[in-house]
Amino acid sequence: MPSNSKKKTWVKPKQIIVTVGHCKYCKKEIINTDSFVSFYKSGHAHYICMKIDADKDSESNGESHLR
């Protein structure tokens, strides 16, 4: 039985870019397309900034990077 209805074509929605906030470490603006983490009470940070800070803390505590 042939269908008389047209095939639906979906239009991909435009990507919406939103400002999330400012980085806790570098103070630069974070947008939703960046790789970032959110903290419970202290805002947001770029993932790389948080990782660098965590590496500095682990070195100062004498922890080894060999795991």
PDB file of N, CA and C in Angstrom:
ATOM      1  N   MET A   1       0.838  -1.168   0.000  1.00  0.00           N
ATOM      2  CA  MET A   1       0.000   0.000   0.000  1.00  0.00           C
ATOM      3  C   MET A   1       0.891   1.243   0.000  1.00  0.00           C
ATOM      4  N   PRO A   2       0.861   2.065  -1.019  1.00  0.00           N
ATOM      5  CA  PRO A   2       1.697   3.254  -1.081  1.00  0.00           C
ATOM      6  C   PRO A   2       1.216   4.328  -0.107  1.00  0.00           C
ATOM      7  N   SER A   3       2.193   5.020   0.465  1.00  0.00           N
ATOM      8  CA  SER A   3       1.890   6.093   1.413  1.00  0.00           C
ATOM      9  C   SER A   3       1.829   7.424   0.667  1.00  0.00           C
ATOM     10  N   ASN A   4       0.808   8.199   0.934  1.00  0.00           N
ATOM     11  CA  ASN A   4       0.641   9.491   0.281  1.00  0.00           C
ATOM     12  C   ASN A   4       1.308  10.623   1.066  1.00  0.00           C
ATOM     13  N   SER A   5       1.732  10.351   2.289  1.00  0.00           N
ATOM     14  CA  SER A   5       2.340  11.414   3.089  1.00  0.00           C
ATOM     15  C   SER A   5       3.798  11.625   2.682  1.00  0.00           C
ATOM     16  N   LYS A   6       4.221  12.859   2.808  1.00  0.00           N
ATOM     17  CA  LYS A   6       5.602  13.182   2.453  1.00  0.00           C
ATOM     18  C   LYS A   6       6.537  12.692   3.548  1.00  0.00           C
ATOM     19  N   LYS A   7       7.747  12.411   3.145  1.00  0.00           N
ATOM     20  CA  LYS A   7       8.761  11.992   4.103  1.00  0.00           C
ATOM     21  C   LYS A   7       9.170  13.211   4.925  1.00  0.00           C
ATOM     22  N   LYS A   8       9.174  13.064   6.232  1.00  0.00           N
ATOM     23  CA  LYS A   8       9.529  14.183   7.094  1.00  0.00           C
ATOM     24  C   LYS A   8      11.030  14.437   7.030  1.00  0.00           C
ATOM     25  N   THR A   9      11.381  15.686   6.956  1.00  0.00           N
ATOM     26  CA  THR A   9      12.793  16.056   7.012  1.00  0.00           C
ATOM     27  C   THR A   9      12.986  16.929   8.251  1.00  0.00           C
ATOM     28  N   TRP A  10      13.978  16.587   9.008  1.00  0.00           N
ATOM     29  CA  TRP A  10      14.232  17.313  10.245  1.00  0.00           C
ATOM     30  C   TRP A  10      15.372  18.286  10.026  1.00  0.00           C
ATOM     31  N   VAL A  11      15.182  19.477  10.505  1.00  0.00           N
ATOM     32  CA  VAL A  11      16.204  20.504  10.408  1.00  0.00           C
ATOM     33  C   VAL A  11      16.955  20.521  11.737  1.00  0.00           C
ATOM     34  N   LYS A  12      18.270  20.367  11.652  1.00  0.00           N
ATOM     35  CA  LYS A  12      19.080  20.385  12.859  1.00  0.00           C
ATOM     36  C   LYS A  12      19.030  21.790  13.455  1.00  0.00           C
ATOM     37  N   PRO A  13      18.732  21.887  14.756  1.00  0.00           N
ATOM     38  CA  PRO A  13      18.654  23.217  15.372  1.00  0.00           C
ATOM     39  C   PRO A  13      20.026  23.884  15.419  1.00  0.00           C
ATOM     40  N   LYS A  14      20.013  25.199  15.399  1.00  0.00           N
ATOM     41  CA  LYS A  14      21.252  25.953  15.486  1.00  0.00           C
ATOM     42  C   LYS A  14      21.880  25.733  16.858  1.00  0.00           C
ATOM     43  N   GLN A  15      23.213  25.771  16.891  1.00  0.00           N
ATOM     44  CA  GLN A  15      23.915  25.602  18.162  1.00  0.00           C
ATOM     45  C   GLN A  15      23.845  26.918  18.928  1.00  0.00           C
ATOM     46  N   ILE A  16      23.357  26.841  20.149  1.00  0.00           N
ATOM     47  CA  ILE A  16      23.226  28.020  20.985  1.00  0.00           C
ATOM     48  C   ILE A  16      24.443  28.095  21.889  1.00  0.00           C
ATOM     49  N   ILE A  17      25.124  29.229  21.871  1.00  0.00           N
ATOM     50  CA  ILE A  17      26.303  29.417  22.709  1.00  0.00           C
ATOM     51  C   ILE A  17      25.934  30.343  23.857  1.00  0.00           C
ATOM     52  N   VAL A  18      26.210  29.879  25.079  1.00  0.00           N
ATOM     53  CA  VAL A  18      25.834  30.605  26.279  1.00  0.00           C
ATOM     54  C   VAL A  18      27.061  30.791  27.167  1.00  0.00           C
ATOM     55  N   THR A  19      27.162  31.933  27.807  1.00  0.00           N
ATOM     56  CA  THR A  19      28.231  32.172  28.771  1.00  0.00           C
ATOM     57  C   THR A  19      27.886  31.437  30.059  1.00  0.00           C
ATOM     58  N   VAL A  20      28.817  30.617  30.546  1.00  0.00           N
ATOM     59  CA  VAL A  20      28.603  29.845  31.764  1.00  0.00           C
ATOM     60  C   VAL A  20      29.048  30.647  32.982  1.00  0.00           C
ATOM     61  N   GLY A  21      30.170  31.325  32.862  1.00  0.00           N
ATOM     62  CA  GLY A  21      30.719  32.104  33.968  1.00  0.00           C
ATOM     63  C   GLY A  21      32.192  32.357  33.725  1.00  0.00           C
ATOM     64  N   HIS A  22      32.920  32.630  34.799  1.00  0.00           N
ATOM     65  CA  HIS A  22      34.353  32.874  34.701  1.00  0.00           C
ATOM     66  C   HIS A  22      35.107  31.760  35.405  1.00  0.00           C
ATOM     67  N   CYS A  23      36.279  31.432  34.867  1.00  0.00           N
ATOM     68  CA  CYS A  23      37.098  30.357  35.405  1.00  0.00           C
ATOM     69  C   CYS A  23      37.623  30.734  36.786  1.00  0.00           C
ATOM     70  N   LYS A  24      37.544  29.805  37.704  1.00  0.00           N
ATOM     71  CA  LYS A  24      38.016  29.987  39.069  1.00  0.00           C
ATOM     72  C   LYS A  24      39.526  30.227  39.106  1.00  0.00           C
ATOM     73  N   TYR A  25      40.273  29.680  38.151  1.00  0.00           N
ATOM     74  CA  TYR A  25      41.730  29.753  38.165  1.00  0.00           C
ATOM     75  C   TYR A  25      42.281  30.848  37.260  1.00  0.00           C
ATOM     76  N   CYS A  26      41.869  30.893  36.003  1.00  0.00           N
ATOM     77  CA  CYS A  26      42.457  31.858  35.062  1.00  0.00           C
ATOM     78  C   CYS A  26      41.591  33.101  34.874  1.00  0.00           C
ATOM     79  N   LYS A  27      40.394  33.115  35.423  1.00  0.00           N
ATOM     80  CA  LYS A  27      39.469  34.258  35.383  1.00  0.00           C
ATOM     81  C   LYS A  27      38.948  34.593  33.981  1.00  0.00           C
ATOM     82  N   LYS A  28      39.180  33.721  32.998  1.00  0.00           N
ATOM     83  CA  LYS A  28      38.661  33.951  31.655  1.00  0.00           C
ATOM     84  C   LYS A  28      37.220  33.456  31.578  1.00  0.00           C
ATOM     85  N   GLU A  29      36.487  33.990  30.612  1.00  0.00           N
ATOM     86  CA  GLU A  29      35.091  33.615  30.420  1.00  0.00           C
ATOM     87  C   GLU A  29      34.985  32.177  29.906  1.00  0.00           C
ATOM     88  N   ILE A  30      34.013  31.442  30.415  1.00  0.00           N
ATOM     89  CA  ILE A  30      33.744  30.075  29.973  1.00  0.00           C
ATOM     90  C   ILE A  30      32.414  30.072  29.225  1.00  0.00           C
ATOM     91  N   ILE A  31      32.408  29.438  28.040  1.00  0.00           N
ATOM     92  CA  ILE A  31      31.149  29.273  27.315  1.00  0.00           C
ATOM     93  C   ILE A  31      30.807  27.778  27.281  1.00  0.00           C
ATOM     94  N   ASN A  32      29.571  27.472  26.968  1.00  0.00           N
ATOM     95  CA  ASN A  32      29.093  26.093  27.070  1.00  0.00           C
ATOM     96  C   ASN A  32      29.763  25.125  26.100  1.00  0.00           C
ATOM     97  N   THR A  33      30.480  25.617  25.085  1.00  0.00           N
ATOM     98  CA  THR A  33      31.167  24.719  24.168  1.00  0.00           C
ATOM     99  C   THR A  33      32.574  24.371  24.657  1.00  0.00           C
ATOM    100  N   ASP A  34      33.058  25.050  25.713  1.00  0.00           N
ATOM    101  CA  ASP A  34      34.373  24.753  26.298  1.00  0.00           C
ATOM    102  C   ASP A  34      34.283  23.507  27.168  1.00  0.00           C
ATOM    103  N   SER A  35      35.436  22.893  27.405  1.00  0.00           N
ATOM    104  CA  SER A  35      35.506  21.782  28.338  1.00  0.00           C
ATOM    105  C   SER A  35      35.687  22.378  29.735  1.00  0.00           C
ATOM    106  N   PHE A  36      34.680  22.187  30.600  1.00  0.00           N
ATOM    107  CA  PHE A  36      34.749  22.806  31.917  1.00  0.00           C
ATOM    108  C   PHE A  36      34.126  21.907  32.974  1.00  0.00           C
ATOM    109  N   VAL A  37      34.414  22.232  34.226  1.00  0.00           N
ATOM    110  CA  VAL A  37      33.821  21.531  35.368  1.00  0.00           C
ATOM    111  C   VAL A  37      33.088  22.557  36.220  1.00  0.00           C
ATOM    112  N   SER A  38      32.073  22.087  36.935  1.00  0.00           N
ATOM    113  CA  SER A  38      31.329  22.950  37.844  1.00  0.00           C
ATOM    114  C   SER A  38      31.537  22.460  39.263  1.00  0.00           C
ATOM    115  N   PHE A  39      31.736  23.387  40.163  1.00  0.00           N
ATOM    116  CA  PHE A  39      31.910  23.057  41.571  1.00  0.00           C
ATOM    117  C   PHE A  39      30.634  23.386  42.320  1.00  0.00           C
ATOM    118  N   TYR A  40      30.389  22.665  43.397  1.00  0.00           N
ATOM    119  CA  TYR A  40      29.131  22.788  44.127  1.00  0.00           C
ATOM    120  C   TYR A  40      28.859  24.210  44.595  1.00  0.00           C
ATOM    121  N   LYS A  41      29.795  24.826  45.291  1.00  0.00           N
ATOM    122  CA  LYS A  41      29.536  26.163  45.811  1.00  0.00           C
ATOM    123  C   LYS A  41      30.477  27.233  45.276  1.00  0.00           C
ATOM    124  N   SER A  42      31.461  26.843  44.474  1.00  0.00           N
ATOM    125  CA  SER A  42      32.461  27.844  44.108  1.00  0.00           C
ATOM    126  C   SER A  42      32.546  28.141  42.616  1.00  0.00           C
ATOM    127  N   GLY A  43      31.551  27.826  41.832  1.00  0.00           N
ATOM    128  CA  GLY A  43      31.542  28.231  40.435  1.00  0.00           C
ATOM    129  C   GLY A  43      32.049  27.201  39.454  1.00  0.00           C
ATOM    130  N   HIS A  44      32.776  27.672  38.439  1.00  0.00           N
ATOM    131  CA  HIS A  44      33.201  26.843  37.321  1.00  0.00           C
ATOM    132  C   HIS A  44      34.686  27.032  37.059  1.00  0.00           C
ATOM    133  N   ALA A  45      35.267  26.085  36.297  1.00  0.00           N
ATOM    134  CA  ALA A  45      36.668  26.192  35.885  1.00  0.00           C
ATOM    135  C   ALA A  45      36.865  25.416  34.596  1.00  0.00           C
ATOM    136  N   HIS A  46      37.826  25.880  33.794  1.00  0.00           N
ATOM    137  CA  HIS A  46      38.212  25.091  32.627  1.00  0.00           C
ATOM    138  C   HIS A  46      38.797  23.786  33.140  1.00  0.00           C
ATOM    139  N   TYR A  47      38.555  22.708  32.437  1.00  0.00           N
ATOM    140  CA  TYR A  47      39.063  21.399  32.859  1.00  0.00           C
ATOM    141  C   TYR A  47      40.589  21.420  32.951  1.00  0.00           C
ATOM    142  N   ILE A  48      41.252  22.019  31.962  1.00  0.00           N
ATOM    143  CA  ILE A  48      42.714  22.031  31.942  1.00  0.00           C
ATOM    144  C   ILE A  48      43.270  22.862  33.104  1.00  0.00           C
ATOM    145  N   CYS A  49      42.609  23.969  33.448  1.00  0.00           N
ATOM    146  CA  CYS A  49      43.063  24.796  34.579  1.00  0.00           C
ATOM    147  C   CYS A  49      42.964  24.008  35.884  1.00  0.00           C
ATOM    148  N   MET A  50      41.866  23.275  36.069  1.00  0.00           N
ATOM    149  CA  MET A  50      41.686  22.465  37.267  1.00  0.00           C
ATOM    150  C   MET A  50      42.732  21.365  37.327  1.00  0.00           C
ATOM    151  N   LYS A  51      43.021  20.737  36.192  1.00  0.00           N
ATOM    152  CA  LYS A  51      43.992  19.649  36.133  1.00  0.00           C
ATOM    153  C   LYS A  51      45.396  20.156  36.477  1.00  0.00           C
ATOM    154  N   ILE A  52      45.766  21.316  35.940  1.00  0.00           N
ATOM    155  CA  ILE A  52      47.080  21.902  36.237  1.00  0.00           C
ATOM    156  C   ILE A  52      47.201  22.199  37.727  1.00  0.00           C
ATOM    157  N   ASP A  53      46.155  22.766  38.312  1.00  0.00           N
ATOM    158  CA  ASP A  53      46.177  23.083  39.740  1.00  0.00           C
ATOM    159  C   ASP A  53      46.257  21.813  40.584  1.00  0.00           C
ATOM    160  N   ALA A  54      45.555  20.778  40.192  1.00  0.00           N
ATOM    161  CA  ALA A  54      45.597  19.508  40.927  1.00  0.00           C
ATOM    162  C   ALA A  54      46.986  18.876  40.838  1.00  0.00           C
ATOM    163  N   ASP A  55      47.627  18.983  39.670  1.00  0.00           N
ATOM    164  CA  ASP A  55      48.982  18.457  39.512  1.00  0.00           C
ATOM    165  C   ASP A  55      49.968  19.210  40.395  1.00  0.00           C
ATOM    166  N   LYS A  56      49.813  20.532  40.500  1.00  0.00           N
ATOM    167  CA  LYS A  56      50.686  21.332  41.370  1.00  0.00           C
ATOM    168  C   LYS A  56      50.505  20.910  42.830  1.00  0.00           C
ATOM    169  N   ASP A  57      49.248  20.699  43.235  1.00  0.00           N
ATOM    170  CA  ASP A  57      48.964  20.287  44.614  1.00  0.00           C
ATOM    171  C   ASP A  57      49.564  18.923  44.911  1.00  0.00           C
ATOM    172  N   SER A  58      49.454  17.994  43.977  1.00  0.00           N
ATOM    173  CA  SER A  58      49.973  16.650  44.220  1.00  0.00           C
ATOM    174  C   SER A  58      51.499  16.655  44.276  1.00  0.00           C
ATOM    175  N   GLU A  59      52.146  17.513  43.495  1.00  0.00           N
ATOM    176  CA  GLU A  59      53.606  17.618  43.546  1.00  0.00           C
ATOM    177  C   GLU A  59      54.061  18.219  44.863  1.00  0.00           C
ATOM    178  N   SER A  60      53.326  19.215  45.358  1.00  0.00           N
ATOM    179  CA  SER A  60      53.712  19.849  46.615  1.00  0.00           C
ATOM    180  C   SER A  60      53.464  18.930  47.813  1.00  0.00           C
ATOM    181  N   ASN A  61      52.572  17.968  47.659  1.00  0.00           N
ATOM    182  CA  ASN A  61      52.302  17.012  48.735  1.00  0.00           C
ATOM    183  C   ASN A  61      53.224  15.806  48.656  1.00  0.00           C
ATOM    184  N   GLY A  62      54.055  15.768  47.646  1.00  0.00           N
ATOM    185  CA  GLY A  62      55.005  14.664  47.504  1.00  0.00           C
ATOM    186  C   GLY A  62      54.426  13.410  46.912  1.00  0.00           C
ATOM    187  N   GLU A  63      53.264  13.507  46.299  1.00  0.00           N
ATOM    188  CA  GLU A  63      52.647  12.326  45.685  1.00  0.00           C
ATOM    189  C   GLU A  63      53.336  12.033  44.362  1.00  0.00           C
ATOM    190  N   SER A  64      53.437  10.772  44.048  1.00  0.00           N
ATOM    191  CA  SER A  64      54.081  10.345  42.819  1.00  0.00           C
ATOM    192  C   SER A  64      53.056  10.295  41.689  1.00  0.00           C
ATOM    193  N   HIS A  65      53.498  10.591  40.467  1.00  0.00           N
ATOM    194  CA  HIS A  65      52.622  10.478  39.307  1.00  0.00           C
ATOM    195  C   HIS A  65      52.569   9.051  38.780  1.00  0.00           C
ATOM    196  N   LEU A  66      53.373   8.169  39.331  1.00  0.00           N
ATOM    197  CA  LEU A  66      53.342   6.757  38.920  1.00  0.00           C
ATOM    198  C   LEU A  66      52.274   6.051  39.720  1.00  0.00           C
ATOM    199  N   ARG A  67      51.217   5.660  39.052  1.00  0.00           N
ATOM    200  CA  ARG A  67      50.099   5.025  39.767  1.00  0.00           C
ATOM    201  C   ARG A  67      49.859   3.657  39.229  1.00  0.00           C
TER     202      ARG A  67
END
